[in-house]
Amino acid sequence: MKHTKTLATLFAAILVATVFCGNYSFADFDVSKILENFNNMNGNGVGFIFTFKEDSQGDKLTSKTDTANVNIDSYTAPGSSGIDASGLSYFRSFCVEPRESVEGNLVGTLNYELKDTGKGEEWVTQTSRGDELTVGAAILYKEFAVGDRSADGLREAILTLMGMITDTDWLDNLHLRELLSKGSKAEWMAHYDPGRYEDTRGLMGDYCVFVMTVVSPDDSETPDRQDFLYIAKVDTNTDVPEPASILLWTIGGLGVAGSSWVKKRRMKKLIAA
């Protein structure tokens, strides 16, 4: 009877670990280098100096001639990034603060800070107005950048997911309709942290998305502000083990514990004999 109870406990533990690890991921992304490299491209805290052009396929953000080029390796879709005729690197983004405008020489830095979200302190990336990037908006932009999603209707979808448009019928927008078929509105409009791998469907992969806060330095006293999205790929070598690894370790640990228990039982029997 004791053997049966012990084995039942071991199998129950394995089952719980399997179910738990199958639905959740514990891997944290180390995004500190992404932030450091981007925000210090042209000196300490200066960030990305660029010009932009409004475009139906996503605003085109182009490096200025006398500045360091931004890393565009994460943009793999044709036309989402590249080198223009002047030899300058560019990537396409979407404005997530349509109420403001900027012009002239623009400077962008990635926004990522600890903030009280009402559920305790959490790391967020947000616009200069305080609108947080959401899970759905991050996923849509990532898929656009790697070629898995078209730009048609994407701006409206992202602004809706950011809460900046409130009268959109999700069923009328292709991107929102696809998200709705996979989860609830609340899920897609939930807080998104680039440093946490919280997407249980694997839609983000090894990518993370940030809000880039842009200012016009020409007006130093009251600079205009604007915000765009930026995608980066994370070095997963520093991550916490993924669920599959955790599950294997759990089973292995339980196996060792079970083997030790059996040996102790045999030893007791030999001593008793």
C-alpha atoms as a PDB file:
ATOM      1  CA  MET A   1       0.000   0.000   0.000  1.00  0.00           C
ATOM      2  CA  LYS A   2       2.843   2.353   0.876  1.00  0.00           C
ATOM      3  CA  HIS A   3       4.483   1.564  -2.463  1.00  0.00           C
ATOM      4  CA  THR A   4       1.258   2.416  -4.269  1.00  0.00           C
ATOM      5  CA  LYS A   5       0.890   5.753  -2.472  1.00  0.00           C
ATOM      6  CA  THR A   6       4.476   6.748  -3.164  1.00  0.00           C
ATOM      7  CA  LEU A   7       4.251   5.887  -6.852  1.00  0.00           C
ATOM      8  CA  ALA A   8       0.934   7.706  -7.104  1.00  0.00           C
ATOM      9  CA  THR A   9       2.539  10.797  -5.576  1.00  0.00           C
ATOM     10  CA  LEU A  10       5.424  10.643  -8.057  1.00  0.00           C
ATOM     11  CA  PHE A  11       3.121  10.311 -11.066  1.00  0.00           C
ATOM     12  CA  ALA A  12       0.877  13.100  -9.762  1.00  0.00           C
ATOM     13  CA  ALA A  13       3.888  15.394  -9.454  1.00  0.00           C
ATOM     14  CA  ILE A  14       4.943  14.581 -13.015  1.00  0.00           C
ATOM     15  CA  LEU A  15       1.416  15.214 -14.289  1.00  0.00           C
ATOM     16  CA  VAL A  16       1.205  18.583 -12.542  1.00  0.00           C
ATOM     17  CA  ALA A  17       4.612  19.593 -13.914  1.00  0.00           C
ATOM     18  CA  THR A  18       3.554  18.563 -17.416  1.00  0.00           C
ATOM     19  CA  VAL A  19       0.292  20.510 -17.334  1.00  0.00           C
ATOM     20  CA  PHE A  20       1.825  23.541 -15.676  1.00  0.00           C
ATOM     21  CA  CYS A  21       4.857  23.765 -17.933  1.00  0.00           C
ATOM     22  CA  GLY A  22       2.781  23.086 -21.022  1.00  0.00           C
ATOM     23  CA  ASN A  23       0.734  26.245 -20.522  1.00  0.00           C
ATOM     24  CA  TYR A  24       3.223  28.697 -19.095  1.00  0.00           C
ATOM     25  CA  SER A  25       6.720  29.810 -19.903  1.00  0.00           C
ATOM     26  CA  PHE A  26       9.118  31.108 -17.305  1.00  0.00           C
ATOM     27  CA  ALA A  27      11.887  32.388 -19.562  1.00  0.00           C
ATOM     28  CA  ASP A  28      12.866  36.000 -19.001  1.00  0.00           C
ATOM     29  CA  PHE A  29      14.549  37.935 -21.784  1.00  0.00           C
ATOM     30  CA  ASP A  30      17.657  39.959 -20.990  1.00  0.00           C
ATOM     31  CA  VAL A  31      16.836  43.150 -22.863  1.00  0.00           C
ATOM     32  CA  SER A  32      19.377  45.358 -21.087  1.00  0.00           C
ATOM     33  CA  LYS A  33      21.859  45.222 -23.992  1.00  0.00           C
ATOM     34  CA  ILE A  34      19.155  46.055 -26.527  1.00  0.00           C
ATOM     35  CA  LEU A  35      18.241  49.156 -24.549  1.00  0.00           C
ATOM     36  CA  GLU A  36      21.852  50.160 -23.957  1.00  0.00           C
ATOM     37  CA  ASN A  37      22.917  49.744 -27.573  1.00  0.00           C
ATOM     38  CA  PHE A  38      19.901  51.553 -28.998  1.00  0.00           C
ATOM     39  CA  ASN A  39      19.750  54.462 -26.557  1.00  0.00           C
ATOM     40  CA  ASN A  40      23.512  55.101 -26.671  1.00  0.00           C
ATOM     41  CA  MET A  41      23.963  54.893 -30.442  1.00  0.00           C
ATOM     42  CA  ASN A  42      25.146  58.487 -30.819  1.00  0.00           C
ATOM     43  CA  GLY A  43      26.517  59.188 -27.395  1.00  0.00           C
ATOM     44  CA  ASN A  44      25.330  58.584 -23.865  1.00  0.00           C
ATOM     45  CA  GLY A  45      21.544  58.573 -23.915  1.00  0.00           C
ATOM     46  CA  VAL A  46      21.260  60.290 -27.302  1.00  0.00           C
ATOM     47  CA  GLY A  47      19.594  57.424 -29.135  1.00  0.00           C
ATOM     48  CA  PHE A  48      18.615  57.060 -32.766  1.00  0.00           C
ATOM     49  CA  ILE A  49      18.840  60.246 -34.855  1.00  0.00           C
ATOM     50  CA  PHE A  50      16.711  59.981 -37.968  1.00  0.00           C
ATOM     51  CA  THR A  51      14.163  61.417 -40.355  1.00  0.00           C
ATOM     52  CA  PHE A  52      10.864  59.818 -41.233  1.00  0.00           C
ATOM     53  CA  LYS A  53       8.401  59.774 -44.072  1.00  0.00           C
ATOM     54  CA  GLU A  54       4.747  58.836 -43.788  1.00  0.00           C
ATOM     55  CA  ASP A  55       3.980  55.751 -45.812  1.00  0.00           C
ATOM     56  CA  SER A  56       0.960  53.502 -46.324  1.00  0.00           C
ATOM     57  CA  GLN A  57       3.229  50.511 -45.702  1.00  0.00           C
ATOM     58  CA  GLY A  58       4.394  51.853 -42.355  1.00  0.00           C
ATOM     59  CA  ASP A  59       6.267  55.062 -41.582  1.00  0.00           C
ATOM     60  CA  LYS A  60       9.810  54.909 -42.946  1.00  0.00           C
ATOM     61  CA  LEU A  61      12.419  55.823 -40.322  1.00  0.00           C
ATOM     62  CA  THR A  62      15.776  56.559 -41.963  1.00  0.00           C
ATOM     63  CA  SER A  63      19.175  57.077 -40.298  1.00  0.00           C
ATOM     64  CA  LYS A  64      20.727  60.499 -40.787  1.00  0.00           C
ATOM     65  CA  THR A  65      23.942  60.747 -42.781  1.00  0.00           C
ATOM     66  CA  ASP A  66      26.225  61.721 -39.902  1.00  0.00           C
ATOM     67  CA  THR A  67      24.876  59.250 -37.321  1.00  0.00           C
ATOM     68  CA  ALA A  68      25.282  55.583 -36.486  1.00  0.00           C
ATOM     69  CA  ASN A  69      22.921  53.229 -38.266  1.00  0.00           C
ATOM     70  CA  VAL A  70      20.282  51.444 -36.233  1.00  0.00           C
ATOM     71  CA  ASN A  71      20.352  47.635 -36.111  1.00  0.00           C
ATOM     72  CA  ILE A  72      17.789  46.305 -38.601  1.00  0.00           C
ATOM     73  CA  ASP A  73      18.680  42.602 -38.456  1.00  0.00           C
ATOM     74  CA  SER A  74      15.339  41.724 -36.856  1.00  0.00           C
ATOM     75  CA  TYR A  75      13.388  43.120 -39.819  1.00  0.00           C
ATOM     76  CA  THR A  76      13.282  40.272 -42.312  1.00  0.00           C
ATOM     77  CA  ALA A  77      10.202  41.054 -44.427  1.00  0.00           C
ATOM     78  CA  PRO A  78      10.934  42.514 -47.888  1.00  0.00           C
ATOM     79  CA  GLY A  79      10.481  46.275 -47.687  1.00  0.00           C
ATOM     80  CA  SER A  80      10.203  46.398 -43.896  1.00  0.00           C
ATOM     81  CA  SER A  81      13.843  47.494 -43.658  1.00  0.00           C
ATOM     82  CA  GLY A  82      16.989  47.840 -45.722  1.00  0.00           C
ATOM     83  CA  ILE A  83      19.397  50.343 -47.225  1.00  0.00           C
ATOM     84  CA  ASP A  84      17.975  53.195 -49.275  1.00  0.00           C
ATOM     85  CA  ALA A  85      19.421  54.863 -52.380  1.00  0.00           C
ATOM     86  CA  SER A  86      21.574  57.141 -50.198  1.00  0.00           C
ATOM     87  CA  GLY A  87      23.139  54.196 -48.391  1.00  0.00           C
ATOM     88  CA  LEU A  88      21.266  54.827 -45.161  1.00  0.00           C
ATOM     89  CA  SER A  89      19.578  52.108 -43.144  1.00  0.00           C
ATOM     90  CA  TYR A  90      15.856  52.315 -42.524  1.00  0.00           C
ATOM     91  CA  PHE A  91      13.003  50.372 -40.982  1.00  0.00           C
ATOM     92  CA  ARG A  92       9.239  50.754 -41.180  1.00  0.00           C
ATOM     93  CA  SER A  93       7.220  51.393 -38.083  1.00  0.00           C
ATOM     94  CA  PHE A  94       3.789  52.513 -36.933  1.00  0.00           C
ATOM     95  CA  CYS A  95       3.017  55.635 -34.975  1.00  0.00           C
ATOM     96  CA  VAL A  96       1.386  54.901 -31.630  1.00  0.00           C
ATOM     97  CA  GLU A  97       0.688  58.498 -30.704  1.00  0.00           C
ATOM     98  CA  PRO A  98      -1.362  59.961 -33.548  1.00  0.00           C
ATOM     99  CA  ARG A  99      -2.424  63.014 -31.565  1.00  0.00           C
ATOM    100  CA  GLU A 100       1.038  64.573 -31.794  1.00  0.00           C
ATOM    101  CA  SER A 101       3.435  65.425 -34.600  1.00  0.00           C
ATOM    102  CA  VAL A 102       7.183  65.916 -34.982  1.00  0.00           C
ATOM    103  CA  GLU A 103       9.409  67.428 -37.635  1.00  0.00           C
ATOM    104  CA  GLY A 104      13.027  68.302 -38.328  1.00  0.00           C
ATOM    105  CA  ASN A 105      15.847  66.282 -36.758  1.00  0.00           C
ATOM    106  CA  LEU A 106      14.307  63.538 -34.626  1.00  0.00           C
ATOM    107  CA  VAL A 107      15.809  61.596 -31.755  1.00  0.00           C
ATOM    108  CA  GLY A 108      14.338  58.321 -30.538  1.00  0.00           C
ATOM    109  CA  THR A 109      15.060  56.221 -27.454  1.00  0.00           C
ATOM    110  CA  LEU A 110      13.444  52.974 -26.321  1.00  0.00           C
ATOM    111  CA  ASN A 111      11.042  53.380 -23.416  1.00  0.00           C
ATOM    112  CA  TYR A 112      11.227  50.728 -20.691  1.00  0.00           C
ATOM    113  CA  GLU A 113      10.667  51.485 -17.040  1.00  0.00           C
ATOM    114  CA  LEU A 114       9.315  50.143 -13.790  1.00  0.00           C
ATOM    115  CA  LYS A 115       5.814  51.414 -13.135  1.00  0.00           C
ATOM    116  CA  ASP A 116       2.919  50.776 -10.769  1.00  0.00           C
ATOM    117  CA  THR A 117       0.274  49.305 -13.068  1.00  0.00           C
ATOM    118  CA  GLY A 118      -2.327  48.709 -10.368  1.00  0.00           C
ATOM    119  CA  LYS A 119      -1.197  45.101 -10.047  1.00  0.00           C
ATOM    120  CA  GLY A 120       2.033  46.044  -8.338  1.00  0.00           C
ATOM    121  CA  GLU A 121       5.239  47.282  -9.942  1.00  0.00           C
ATOM    122  CA  GLU A 122       5.798  45.953 -13.462  1.00  0.00           C
ATOM    123  CA  TRP A 123       8.179  46.743 -16.299  1.00  0.00           C
ATOM    124  CA  VAL A 124       6.367  48.501 -19.119  1.00  0.00           C
ATOM    125  CA  THR A 125       7.146  50.142 -22.439  1.00  0.00           C
ATOM    126  CA  GLN A 126       4.789  53.026 -23.074  1.00  0.00           C
ATOM    127  CA  THR A 127       4.168  56.135 -25.114  1.00  0.00           C
ATOM    128  CA  SER A 128       5.023  59.624 -23.896  1.00  0.00           C
ATOM    129  CA  ARG A 129       1.345  59.994 -22.975  1.00  0.00           C
ATOM    130  CA  GLY A 130       1.527  56.891 -20.781  1.00  0.00           C
ATOM    131  CA  ASP A 131      -0.311  54.434 -23.071  1.00  0.00           C
ATOM    132  CA  GLU A 132       1.166  50.975 -22.515  1.00  0.00           C
ATOM    133  CA  LEU A 133       2.116  48.644 -25.335  1.00  0.00           C
ATOM    134  CA  THR A 134      -0.232  45.661 -25.378  1.00  0.00           C
ATOM    135  CA  VAL A 135       0.301  41.978 -26.168  1.00  0.00           C
ATOM    136  CA  GLY A 136      -1.760  42.143 -29.363  1.00  0.00           C
ATOM    137  CA  ALA A 137      -0.048  45.261 -30.718  1.00  0.00           C
ATOM    138  CA  ALA A 138       3.384  43.751 -30.079  1.00  0.00           C
ATOM    139  CA  ILE A 139       2.459  40.510 -31.853  1.00  0.00           C
ATOM    140  CA  LEU A 140       1.008  42.268 -34.905  1.00  0.00           C
ATOM    141  CA  TYR A 141       4.067  44.488 -35.333  1.00  0.00           C
ATOM    142  CA  LYS A 142       6.442  41.555 -34.912  1.00  0.00           C
ATOM    143  CA  GLU A 143       4.580  39.578 -37.562  1.00  0.00           C
ATOM    144  CA  PHE A 144       4.643  42.576 -39.914  1.00  0.00           C
ATOM    145  CA  ALA A 145       8.390  43.021 -39.433  1.00  0.00           C
ATOM    146  CA  VAL A 146       9.212  39.393 -40.208  1.00  0.00           C
ATOM    147  CA  GLY A 147       6.838  39.103 -43.173  1.00  0.00           C
ATOM    148  CA  ASP A 148       3.932  37.190 -41.663  1.00  0.00           C
ATOM    149  CA  ARG A 149       1.417  40.049 -41.872  1.00  0.00           C
ATOM    150  CA  SER A 150       0.510  42.733 -44.417  1.00  0.00           C
ATOM    151  CA  ALA A 151       0.348  46.438 -43.667  1.00  0.00           C
ATOM    152  CA  ASP A 152      -3.239  46.820 -44.904  1.00  0.00           C
ATOM    153  CA  GLY A 153      -5.397  47.886 -41.976  1.00  0.00           C
ATOM    154  CA  LEU A 154      -2.550  47.267 -39.554  1.00  0.00           C
ATOM    155  CA  ARG A 155      -2.274  50.843 -38.294  1.00  0.00           C
ATOM    156  CA  GLU A 156      -5.944  50.838 -37.280  1.00  0.00           C
ATOM    157  CA  ALA A 157      -5.531  47.475 -35.554  1.00  0.00           C
ATOM    158  CA  ILE A 158      -2.497  48.600 -33.554  1.00  0.00           C
ATOM    159  CA  LEU A 159      -4.138  51.860 -32.479  1.00  0.00           C
ATOM    160  CA  THR A 160      -7.225  49.930 -31.422  1.00  0.00           C
ATOM    161  CA  LEU A 161      -5.140  47.510 -29.378  1.00  0.00           C
ATOM    162  CA  MET A 162      -3.374  50.478 -27.755  1.00  0.00           C
ATOM    163  CA  GLY A 163      -6.732  51.945 -26.765  1.00  0.00           C
ATOM    164  CA  MET A 164      -6.330  55.015 -28.969  1.00  0.00           C
ATOM    165  CA  ILE A 165      -9.278  54.080 -31.188  1.00  0.00           C
ATOM    166  CA  THR A 166     -12.367  52.859 -29.382  1.00  0.00           C
ATOM    167  CA  ASP A 167     -15.024  52.530 -32.086  1.00  0.00           C
ATOM    168  CA  THR A 168     -13.368  49.845 -34.238  1.00  0.00           C
ATOM    169  CA  ASP A 169     -15.431  46.768 -35.015  1.00  0.00           C
ATOM    170  CA  TRP A 170     -12.939  43.947 -34.527  1.00  0.00           C
ATOM    171  CA  LEU A 171     -14.783  41.724 -36.983  1.00  0.00           C
ATOM    172  CA  ASP A 172     -14.319  44.317 -39.744  1.00  0.00           C
ATOM    173  CA  ASN A 173     -10.524  44.428 -39.366  1.00  0.00           C
ATOM    174  CA  LEU A 174      -8.645  41.396 -40.708  1.00  0.00           C
ATOM    175  CA  HIS A 175      -5.873  41.550 -38.101  1.00  0.00           C
ATOM    176  CA  LEU A 176      -8.194  42.026 -35.148  1.00  0.00           C
ATOM    177  CA  ARG A 177     -10.532  39.351 -36.432  1.00  0.00           C
ATOM    178  CA  GLU A 178      -7.654  36.864 -36.554  1.00  0.00           C
ATOM    179  CA  LEU A 179      -6.653  37.686 -32.996  1.00  0.00           C
ATOM    180  CA  LEU A 180     -10.238  37.370 -31.833  1.00  0.00           C
ATOM    181  CA  SER A 181     -10.381  33.846 -33.265  1.00  0.00           C
ATOM    182  CA  LYS A 182      -7.473  32.875 -30.984  1.00  0.00           C
ATOM    183  CA  GLY A 183      -8.353  34.695 -27.773  1.00  0.00           C
ATOM    184  CA  SER A 184     -10.394  37.390 -26.073  1.00  0.00           C
ATOM    185  CA  LYS A 185     -10.079  41.149 -26.439  1.00  0.00           C
ATOM    186  CA  ALA A 186      -8.937  41.362 -22.829  1.00  0.00           C
ATOM    187  CA  GLU A 187      -6.084  38.975 -23.535  1.00  0.00           C
ATOM    188  CA  TRP A 188      -4.785  40.910 -26.540  1.00  0.00           C
ATOM    189  CA  MET A 189      -5.161  44.301 -24.842  1.00  0.00           C
ATOM    190  CA  ALA A 190      -3.297  43.152 -21.734  1.00  0.00           C
ATOM    191  CA  HIS A 191      -0.049  44.729 -20.552  1.00  0.00           C
ATOM    192  CA  TYR A 192       3.028  43.636 -22.543  1.00  0.00           C
ATOM    193  CA  ASP A 193       6.531  43.467 -21.072  1.00  0.00           C
ATOM    194  CA  PRO A 194       9.353  43.042 -23.653  1.00  0.00           C
ATOM    195  CA  GLY A 195      11.497  41.431 -20.962  1.00  0.00           C
ATOM    196  CA  ARG A 196       9.052  38.609 -20.238  1.00  0.00           C
ATOM    197  CA  TYR A 197       8.213  35.651 -22.430  1.00  0.00           C
ATOM    198  CA  GLU A 198       4.518  35.467 -21.594  1.00  0.00           C
ATOM    199  CA  ASP A 199       3.026  34.520 -24.946  1.00  0.00           C
ATOM    200  CA  THR A 200       1.875  30.922 -24.459  1.00  0.00           C
ATOM    201  CA  ARG A 201       1.090  30.498 -28.172  1.00  0.00           C
ATOM    202  CA  GLY A 202       4.650  31.108 -29.261  1.00  0.00           C
ATOM    203  CA  LEU A 203       3.655  33.996 -31.528  1.00  0.00           C
ATOM    204  CA  MET A 204       6.471  36.285 -30.365  1.00  0.00           C
ATOM    205  CA  GLY A 205       9.243  33.709 -30.564  1.00  0.00           C
ATOM    206  CA  ASP A 206      12.634  35.222 -29.660  1.00  0.00           C
ATOM    207  CA  TYR A 207      11.531  38.747 -30.572  1.00  0.00           C
ATOM    208  CA  CYS A 208      10.511  41.648 -28.394  1.00  0.00           C
ATOM    209  CA  VAL A 209       8.911  44.974 -29.262  1.00  0.00           C
ATOM    210  CA  PHE A 210       9.436  48.382 -27.663  1.00  0.00           C
ATOM    211  CA  VAL A 211       7.837  51.788 -27.885  1.00  0.00           C
ATOM    212  CA  MET A 212      10.384  54.301 -29.145  1.00  0.00           C
ATOM    213  CA  THR A 213       9.773  57.774 -27.776  1.00  0.00           C
ATOM    214  CA  VAL A 214      10.717  60.462 -30.294  1.00  0.00           C
ATOM    215  CA  VAL A 215      11.364  64.156 -29.679  1.00  0.00           C
ATOM    216  CA  SER A 216      12.303  67.125 -31.824  1.00  0.00           C
ATOM    217  CA  PRO A 217      15.512  68.417 -30.205  1.00  0.00           C
ATOM    218  CA  ASP A 218      15.224  71.660 -32.163  1.00  0.00           C
ATOM    219  CA  ASP A 219      12.685  72.790 -29.583  1.00  0.00           C
ATOM    220  CA  SER A 220      14.542  72.080 -26.351  1.00  0.00           C
ATOM    221  CA  GLU A 221      12.135  73.787 -23.934  1.00  0.00           C
ATOM    222  CA  THR A 222       8.895  72.085 -24.970  1.00  0.00           C
ATOM    223  CA  PRO A 223       9.861  69.416 -27.497  1.00  0.00           C
ATOM    224  CA  ASP A 224       7.185  67.817 -29.612  1.00  0.00           C
ATOM    225  CA  ARG A 225       6.764  64.143 -28.842  1.00  0.00           C
ATOM    226  CA  GLN A 226       5.861  61.159 -30.968  1.00  0.00           C
ATOM    227  CA  ASP A 227       6.100  57.409 -30.531  1.00  0.00           C
ATOM    228  CA  PHE A 228       6.891  54.539 -32.895  1.00  0.00           C
ATOM    229  CA  LEU A 229       7.383  50.787 -32.532  1.00  0.00           C
ATOM    230  CA  TYR A 230      10.713  48.975 -32.782  1.00  0.00           C
ATOM    231  CA  ILE A 231      11.457  45.236 -32.881  1.00  0.00           C
ATOM    232  CA  ALA A 232      14.593  43.453 -31.711  1.00  0.00           C
ATOM    233  CA  LYS A 233      15.698  39.843 -31.451  1.00  0.00           C
ATOM    234  CA  VAL A 234      16.795  38.604 -28.051  1.00  0.00           C
ATOM    235  CA  ASP A 235      19.896  36.586 -27.260  1.00  0.00           C
ATOM    236  CA  THR A 236      18.230  33.595 -25.642  1.00  0.00           C
ATOM    237  CA  ASN A 237      21.501  32.114 -24.389  1.00  0.00           C
ATOM    238  CA  THR A 238      20.999  34.016 -21.130  1.00  0.00           C
ATOM    239  CA  ASP A 239      17.398  32.970 -20.654  1.00  0.00           C
ATOM    240  CA  VAL A 240      15.933  30.885 -17.876  1.00  0.00           C
ATOM    241  CA  PRO A 241      15.309  27.300 -19.108  1.00  0.00           C
ATOM    242  CA  GLU A 242      12.192  26.774 -21.216  1.00  0.00           C
ATOM    243  CA  PRO A 243       9.286  24.594 -19.960  1.00  0.00           C
ATOM    244  CA  ALA A 244      10.451  21.488 -21.835  1.00  0.00           C
ATOM    245  CA  SER A 245      13.791  21.596 -20.034  1.00  0.00           C
ATOM    246  CA  ILE A 246      12.126  22.249 -16.695  1.00  0.00           C
ATOM    247  CA  LEU A 247       9.837  19.288 -17.260  1.00  0.00           C
ATOM    248  CA  LEU A 248      12.758  16.974 -18.074  1.00  0.00           C
ATOM    249  CA  TRP A 249      14.604  18.142 -14.984  1.00  0.00           C
ATOM    250  CA  THR A 250      11.506  17.568 -12.878  1.00  0.00           C
ATOM    251  CA  ILE A 251      11.057  14.027 -14.174  1.00  0.00           C
ATOM    252  CA  GLY A 252      14.755  13.340 -13.730  1.00  0.00           C
ATOM    253  CA  GLY A 253      14.687  14.648 -10.175  1.00  0.00           C
ATOM    254  CA  LEU A 254      11.658  12.552  -9.331  1.00  0.00           C
ATOM    255  CA  GLY A 255      13.363   9.539 -10.873  1.00  0.00           C
ATOM    256  CA  VAL A 256      16.457  10.028  -8.723  1.00  0.00           C
ATOM    257  CA  ALA A 257      14.296  10.472  -5.641  1.00  0.00           C
ATOM    258  CA  GLY A 258      12.362   7.316  -6.477  1.00  0.00           C
ATOM    259  CA  SER A 259      15.545   5.324  -7.064  1.00  0.00           C
ATOM    260  CA  SER A 260      16.969   6.499  -3.750  1.00  0.00           C
ATOM    261  CA  TRP A 261      13.770   5.497  -1.975  1.00  0.00           C
ATOM    262  CA  VAL A 262      13.886   2.004  -3.487  1.00  0.00           C
ATOM    263  CA  LYS A 263      17.517   1.528  -2.447  1.00  0.00           C
ATOM    264  CA  LYS A 264      16.707   2.572   1.120  1.00  0.00           C
ATOM    265  CA  ARG A 265      13.829   0.114   1.258  1.00  0.00           C
ATOM    266  CA  ARG A 266      16.060  -2.719   0.038  1.00  0.00           C
ATOM    267  CA  MET A 267      18.746  -1.814   2.591  1.00  0.00           C
ATOM    268  CA  LYS A 268      16.212  -1.858   5.410  1.00  0.00           C
ATOM    269  CA  LYS A 269      15.025  -5.308   4.322  1.00  0.00           C
ATOM    270  CA  LEU A 270      18.605  -6.652   4.228  1.00  0.00           C
ATOM    271  CA  ILE A 271      19.322  -5.285   7.711  1.00  0.00           C
ATOM    272  CA  ALA A 272      16.077  -6.721   9.033  1.00  0.00           C
ATOM    273  CA  ALA A 273      16.937 -10.121   7.559  1.00  0.00           C
END
